[in-house]
């Protein structure tokens, strides 16, 4: 796990409730199994496309600030340039804050073939969970990162995710957190 995400996962003293990752943040149409991509950059592009095509991500009060594919990709890419969001165990947690979001959005991709992601353990990534939050949602962002990072510390959970073969199975595992 990266130091920053690990620190959040282990130092956050607020209890993590099941409402932290909820169906209102994760929708079934934002879960992809056997995504065929060849690079981290292409994965981030796919997340941007998936999220803009399958969600209502804007805040109606600020419709001029609706995030588009390019803004989402730039947010994720810029975050990766600060340091890899790979946690280890073949898992990455690309994330970022973006203006114009009405609420957090989570998208999940289980990859057909693992890709290099500059992970701290050197393992290629086979699972990526993308998290976008409204620009001003600092506490929500940290709490969701901590909740997800804690789940990925659980080897049984990781094994269960790795064994899944359908989008429904993955959706159910994550919506039950």
C-alpha atoms as a PDB file:
ATOM      1  CA  UNK A   1       0.000   0.000   0.000  1.00  0.00           C
ATOM      2  CA  UNK A   2       1.301   3.487  -0.750  1.00  0.00           C
ATOM      3  CA  UNK A   3       2.396   5.409   2.322  1.00  0.00           C
ATOM      4  CA  UNK A   4      -0.213   8.157   1.952  1.00  0.00           C
ATOM      5  CA  UNK A   5      -3.149   5.795   1.522  1.00  0.00           C
ATOM      6  CA  UNK A   6      -1.814   3.472   4.211  1.00  0.00           C
ATOM      7  CA  UNK A   7      -1.493   6.383   6.625  1.00  0.00           C
ATOM      8  CA  UNK A   8      -5.107   7.364   5.973  1.00  0.00           C
ATOM      9  CA  UNK A   9      -6.294   3.780   6.381  1.00  0.00           C
ATOM     10  CA  UNK A  10      -4.494   3.295   9.664  1.00  0.00           C
ATOM     11  CA  UNK A  11      -4.735   6.742  11.239  1.00  0.00           C
ATOM     12  CA  UNK A  12      -8.362   7.596  10.562  1.00  0.00           C
ATOM     13  CA  UNK A  13      -9.994   7.234  13.957  1.00  0.00           C
ATOM     14  CA  UNK A  14     -13.580   7.746  12.805  1.00  0.00           C
ATOM     15  CA  UNK A  15     -15.561   4.525  12.545  1.00  0.00           C
ATOM     16  CA  UNK A  16     -16.066   3.343   8.994  1.00  0.00           C
ATOM     17  CA  UNK A  17     -19.716   2.632   8.371  1.00  0.00           C
ATOM     18  CA  UNK A  18     -21.341   0.726   5.546  1.00  0.00           C
ATOM     19  CA  UNK A  19     -22.706   3.996   4.187  1.00  0.00           C
ATOM     20  CA  UNK A  20     -19.165   5.048   3.229  1.00  0.00           C
ATOM     21  CA  UNK A  21     -19.299   3.013   0.011  1.00  0.00           C
ATOM     22  CA  UNK A  22     -22.891   2.970  -0.989  1.00  0.00           C
ATOM     23  CA  UNK A  23     -24.909   2.153  -4.058  1.00  0.00           C
ATOM     24  CA  UNK A  24     -25.432   5.854  -4.550  1.00  0.00           C
ATOM     25  CA  UNK A  25     -21.668   6.216  -5.177  1.00  0.00           C
ATOM     26  CA  UNK A  26     -21.164   2.887  -6.962  1.00  0.00           C
ATOM     27  CA  UNK A  27     -23.600   1.955  -9.692  1.00  0.00           C
ATOM     28  CA  UNK A  28     -23.681  -1.440 -11.426  1.00  0.00           C
ATOM     29  CA  UNK A  29     -22.980   0.190 -14.791  1.00  0.00           C
ATOM     30  CA  UNK A  30     -19.659   1.470 -13.396  1.00  0.00           C
ATOM     31  CA  UNK A  31     -18.255  -2.015 -12.845  1.00  0.00           C
ATOM     32  CA  UNK A  32     -16.324  -3.657 -15.677  1.00  0.00           C
ATOM     33  CA  UNK A  33     -14.867  -7.172 -15.763  1.00  0.00           C
ATOM     34  CA  UNK A  34     -12.193  -8.308 -18.228  1.00  0.00           C
ATOM     35  CA  UNK A  35     -11.318  -4.792 -19.345  1.00  0.00           C
ATOM     36  CA  UNK A  36      -8.674  -5.123 -22.038  1.00  0.00           C
ATOM     37  CA  UNK A  37      -6.162  -2.281 -21.770  1.00  0.00           C
ATOM     38  CA  UNK A  38      -2.397  -2.129 -22.199  1.00  0.00           C
ATOM     39  CA  UNK A  39      -1.315   0.733 -19.940  1.00  0.00           C
ATOM     40  CA  UNK A  40      -2.086   2.827 -16.891  1.00  0.00           C
ATOM     41  CA  UNK A  41      -2.823   5.811 -19.131  1.00  0.00           C
ATOM     42  CA  UNK A  42      -5.363   3.823 -21.125  1.00  0.00           C
ATOM     43  CA  UNK A  43      -6.982   2.626 -17.882  1.00  0.00           C
ATOM     44  CA  UNK A  44      -7.445   6.222 -16.729  1.00  0.00           C
ATOM     45  CA  UNK A  45      -8.913   7.122 -20.137  1.00  0.00           C
ATOM     46  CA  UNK A  46     -11.332   4.207 -19.865  1.00  0.00           C
ATOM     47  CA  UNK A  47     -12.427   5.319 -16.397  1.00  0.00           C
ATOM     48  CA  UNK A  48     -13.066   8.852 -17.690  1.00  0.00           C
ATOM     49  CA  UNK A  49     -15.125   7.500 -20.588  1.00  0.00           C
ATOM     50  CA  UNK A  50     -17.036   5.034 -18.415  1.00  0.00           C
ATOM     51  CA  UNK A  51     -17.900   7.609 -15.774  1.00  0.00           C
ATOM     52  CA  UNK A  52     -19.051  10.320 -18.177  1.00  0.00           C
ATOM     53  CA  UNK A  53     -21.101   7.869 -20.247  1.00  0.00           C
ATOM     54  CA  UNK A  54     -22.834   6.140 -17.353  1.00  0.00           C
ATOM     55  CA  UNK A  55     -23.527   8.627 -14.591  1.00  0.00           C
ATOM     56  CA  UNK A  56     -25.166  11.895 -13.836  1.00  0.00           C
ATOM     57  CA  UNK A  57     -22.076  13.422 -12.311  1.00  0.00           C
ATOM     58  CA  UNK A  58     -22.856  17.089 -12.398  1.00  0.00           C
ATOM     59  CA  UNK A  59     -24.190  19.393  -9.769  1.00  0.00           C
ATOM     60  CA  UNK A  60     -27.245  20.986 -11.386  1.00  0.00           C
ATOM     61  CA  UNK A  61     -26.501  24.290  -9.642  1.00  0.00           C
ATOM     62  CA  UNK A  62     -23.210  24.510 -11.538  1.00  0.00           C
ATOM     63  CA  UNK A  63     -24.071  22.988 -14.904  1.00  0.00           C
ATOM     64  CA  UNK A  64     -21.353  25.069 -16.572  1.00  0.00           C
ATOM     65  CA  UNK A  65     -18.815  23.099 -14.498  1.00  0.00           C
ATOM     66  CA  UNK A  66     -19.944  19.622 -15.562  1.00  0.00           C
ATOM     67  CA  UNK A  67     -16.803  17.478 -15.704  1.00  0.00           C
ATOM     68  CA  UNK A  68     -16.098  16.036 -19.122  1.00  0.00           C
ATOM     69  CA  UNK A  69     -13.899  13.155 -20.219  1.00  0.00           C
ATOM     70  CA  UNK A  70     -10.836  15.372 -20.577  1.00  0.00           C
ATOM     71  CA  UNK A  71     -11.226  16.938 -17.120  1.00  0.00           C
ATOM     72  CA  UNK A  72     -11.716  13.587 -15.437  1.00  0.00           C
ATOM     73  CA  UNK A  73      -8.734  12.085 -17.237  1.00  0.00           C
ATOM     74  CA  UNK A  74      -6.581  15.127 -16.411  1.00  0.00           C
ATOM     75  CA  UNK A  75      -7.557  14.909 -12.727  1.00  0.00           C
ATOM     76  CA  UNK A  76      -6.659  11.216 -12.535  1.00  0.00           C
ATOM     77  CA  UNK A  77      -3.497  11.595 -14.616  1.00  0.00           C
ATOM     78  CA  UNK A  78      -2.272  14.590 -12.610  1.00  0.00           C
ATOM     79  CA  UNK A  79      -2.760  12.629  -9.382  1.00  0.00           C
ATOM     80  CA  UNK A  80      -0.758   9.703 -10.799  1.00  0.00           C
ATOM     81  CA  UNK A  81       2.065  12.076 -11.717  1.00  0.00           C
ATOM     82  CA  UNK A  82       2.383  12.919  -8.007  1.00  0.00           C
ATOM     83  CA  UNK A  83       2.932   9.231  -7.263  1.00  0.00           C
ATOM     84  CA  UNK A  84       1.438   5.917  -8.199  1.00  0.00           C
ATOM     85  CA  UNK A  85      -1.903   5.101  -6.604  1.00  0.00           C
ATOM     86  CA  UNK A  86      -1.096   1.389  -6.749  1.00  0.00           C
ATOM     87  CA  UNK A  87      -1.529  -0.135  -3.303  1.00  0.00           C
ATOM     88  CA  UNK A  88       0.201  -3.445  -3.909  1.00  0.00           C
ATOM     89  CA  UNK A  89      -1.359  -6.913  -4.250  1.00  0.00           C
ATOM     90  CA  UNK A  90      -2.209  -5.985  -7.849  1.00  0.00           C
ATOM     91  CA  UNK A  91      -4.638  -3.229  -6.825  1.00  0.00           C
ATOM     92  CA  UNK A  92      -4.712   0.451  -7.752  1.00  0.00           C
ATOM     93  CA  UNK A  93      -6.895   3.213  -6.352  1.00  0.00           C
ATOM     94  CA  UNK A  94      -6.757   6.136  -8.796  1.00  0.00           C
ATOM     95  CA  UNK A  95      -8.583   9.075  -7.268  1.00  0.00           C
ATOM     96  CA  UNK A  96      -9.066  12.787  -7.343  1.00  0.00           C
ATOM     97  CA  UNK A  97     -11.190  15.776  -6.506  1.00  0.00           C
ATOM     98  CA  UNK A  98     -13.048  17.467  -9.297  1.00  0.00           C
ATOM     99  CA  UNK A  99     -15.256  20.543  -9.472  1.00  0.00           C
ATOM    100  CA  UNK A 100     -18.824  20.082 -10.637  1.00  0.00           C
ATOM    101  CA  UNK A 101     -19.504  16.693  -9.098  1.00  0.00           C
ATOM    102  CA  UNK A 102     -22.763  16.407  -7.191  1.00  0.00           C
ATOM    103  CA  UNK A 103     -21.464  13.469  -5.101  1.00  0.00           C
ATOM    104  CA  UNK A 104     -18.630  10.941  -5.054  1.00  0.00           C
ATOM    105  CA  UNK A 105     -18.419   8.465  -7.917  1.00  0.00           C
ATOM    106  CA  UNK A 106     -16.779   5.044  -7.745  1.00  0.00           C
ATOM    107  CA  UNK A 107     -15.953   2.911 -10.784  1.00  0.00           C
ATOM    108  CA  UNK A 108     -14.305  -0.516 -10.717  1.00  0.00           C
ATOM    109  CA  UNK A 109     -12.346  -2.337 -13.413  1.00  0.00           C
ATOM    110  CA  UNK A 110     -11.058  -5.885 -13.191  1.00  0.00           C
ATOM    111  CA  UNK A 111      -8.488  -6.182 -15.961  1.00  0.00           C
ATOM    112  CA  UNK A 112      -8.224  -8.998 -18.469  1.00  0.00           C
ATOM    113  CA  UNK A 113      -4.431  -8.752 -18.303  1.00  0.00           C
ATOM    114  CA  UNK A 114      -2.554  -7.013 -15.484  1.00  0.00           C
ATOM    115  CA  UNK A 115      -0.671  -3.813 -16.355  1.00  0.00           C
ATOM    116  CA  UNK A 116       2.452  -2.209 -14.939  1.00  0.00           C
ATOM    117  CA  UNK A 117       1.489   0.517 -12.473  1.00  0.00           C
ATOM    118  CA  UNK A 118       4.692   1.263 -10.571  1.00  0.00           C
ATOM    119  CA  UNK A 119       3.307  -0.523  -7.526  1.00  0.00           C
ATOM    120  CA  UNK A 120       5.365  -0.494  -4.331  1.00  0.00           C
ATOM    121  CA  UNK A 121       5.549  -4.306  -4.404  1.00  0.00           C
ATOM    122  CA  UNK A 122       6.302  -4.399  -8.142  1.00  0.00           C
ATOM    123  CA  UNK A 123       3.170  -6.417  -8.926  1.00  0.00           C
ATOM    124  CA  UNK A 124       1.168  -5.439 -12.012  1.00  0.00           C
ATOM    125  CA  UNK A 125      -2.374  -4.222 -11.397  1.00  0.00           C
ATOM    126  CA  UNK A 126      -5.311  -6.556 -12.056  1.00  0.00           C
ATOM    127  CA  UNK A 127      -7.951  -4.470 -10.216  1.00  0.00           C
ATOM    128  CA  UNK A 128      -8.491  -0.724 -10.201  1.00  0.00           C
ATOM    129  CA  UNK A 129     -11.053   1.198  -8.184  1.00  0.00           C
ATOM    130  CA  UNK A 130     -11.472   4.781  -9.344  1.00  0.00           C
ATOM    131  CA  UNK A 131     -12.766   7.351  -6.866  1.00  0.00           C
ATOM    132  CA  UNK A 132     -13.813  10.873  -7.785  1.00  0.00           C
ATOM    133  CA  UNK A 133     -15.200  13.285  -5.222  1.00  0.00           C
ATOM    134  CA  UNK A 134     -16.437  16.877  -5.360  1.00  0.00           C
ATOM    135  CA  UNK A 135     -13.564  19.360  -5.080  1.00  0.00           C
ATOM    136  CA  UNK A 136     -14.662  20.566  -1.645  1.00  0.00           C
ATOM    137  CA  UNK A 137     -15.307  17.103  -0.148  1.00  0.00           C
ATOM    138  CA  UNK A 138     -12.017  16.637   1.705  1.00  0.00           C
ATOM    139  CA  UNK A 139     -13.343  14.546   4.616  1.00  0.00           C
ATOM    140  CA  UNK A 140     -15.488  12.356   2.369  1.00  0.00           C
ATOM    141  CA  UNK A 141     -12.506  11.810   0.075  1.00  0.00           C
ATOM    142  CA  UNK A 142     -10.250  10.714   2.928  1.00  0.00           C
ATOM    143  CA  UNK A 143     -12.944   8.536   4.518  1.00  0.00           C
ATOM    144  CA  UNK A 144     -13.693   6.738   1.258  1.00  0.00           C
ATOM    145  CA  UNK A 145      -9.982   6.219   0.579  1.00  0.00           C
ATOM    146  CA  UNK A 146      -9.537   4.851   4.091  1.00  0.00           C
ATOM    147  CA  UNK A 147     -12.526   2.522   3.762  1.00  0.00           C
ATOM    148  CA  UNK A 148     -11.311   1.126   0.444  1.00  0.00           C
ATOM    149  CA  UNK A 149      -7.689   0.835   1.586  1.00  0.00           C
ATOM    150  CA  UNK A 150      -8.784  -1.040   4.713  1.00  0.00           C
ATOM    151  CA  UNK A 151     -10.773  -3.509   2.613  1.00  0.00           C
ATOM    152  CA  UNK A 152      -7.743  -4.122   0.418  1.00  0.00           C
ATOM    153  CA  UNK A 153      -5.694  -4.892   3.538  1.00  0.00           C
ATOM    154  CA  UNK A 154      -8.047  -7.853   4.071  1.00  0.00           C
ATOM    155  CA  UNK A 155      -6.511 -10.783   2.173  1.00  0.00           C
ATOM    156  CA  UNK A 156      -9.780 -12.746   2.246  1.00  0.00           C
ATOM    157  CA  UNK A 157     -11.630  -9.854   0.615  1.00  0.00           C
ATOM    158  CA  UNK A 158      -8.910  -9.467  -2.037  1.00  0.00           C
ATOM    159  CA  UNK A 159      -9.036 -13.196  -2.764  1.00  0.00           C
ATOM    160  CA  UNK A 160     -12.814 -13.061  -3.069  1.00  0.00           C
ATOM    161  CA  UNK A 161     -12.599 -10.159  -5.526  1.00  0.00           C
ATOM    162  CA  UNK A 162      -9.927 -11.962  -7.527  1.00  0.00           C
ATOM    163  CA  UNK A 163     -12.151 -15.031  -7.851  1.00  0.00           C
ATOM    164  CA  UNK A 164     -15.169 -13.103  -9.143  1.00  0.00           C
ATOM    165  CA  UNK A 165     -16.127 -13.487 -12.779  1.00  0.00           C
ATOM    166  CA  UNK A 166     -19.059 -11.120 -13.196  1.00  0.00           C
ATOM    167  CA  UNK A 167     -19.813  -7.458 -12.768  1.00  0.00           C
ATOM    168  CA  UNK A 168     -22.710  -8.373 -10.487  1.00  0.00           C
ATOM    169  CA  UNK A 169     -20.418 -10.292  -8.126  1.00  0.00           C
ATOM    170  CA  UNK A 170     -17.948  -7.422  -7.907  1.00  0.00           C
ATOM    171  CA  UNK A 171     -20.714  -4.866  -7.473  1.00  0.00           C
ATOM    172  CA  UNK A 172     -22.185  -6.922  -4.621  1.00  0.00           C
ATOM    173  CA  UNK A 173     -18.818  -7.264  -2.880  1.00  0.00           C
ATOM    174  CA  UNK A 174     -18.216  -3.524  -2.946  1.00  0.00           C
ATOM    175  CA  UNK A 175     -21.757  -2.374  -2.236  1.00  0.00           C
ATOM    176  CA  UNK A 176     -21.786  -4.517   0.918  1.00  0.00           C
ATOM    177  CA  UNK A 177     -18.780  -2.724   2.461  1.00  0.00           C
END
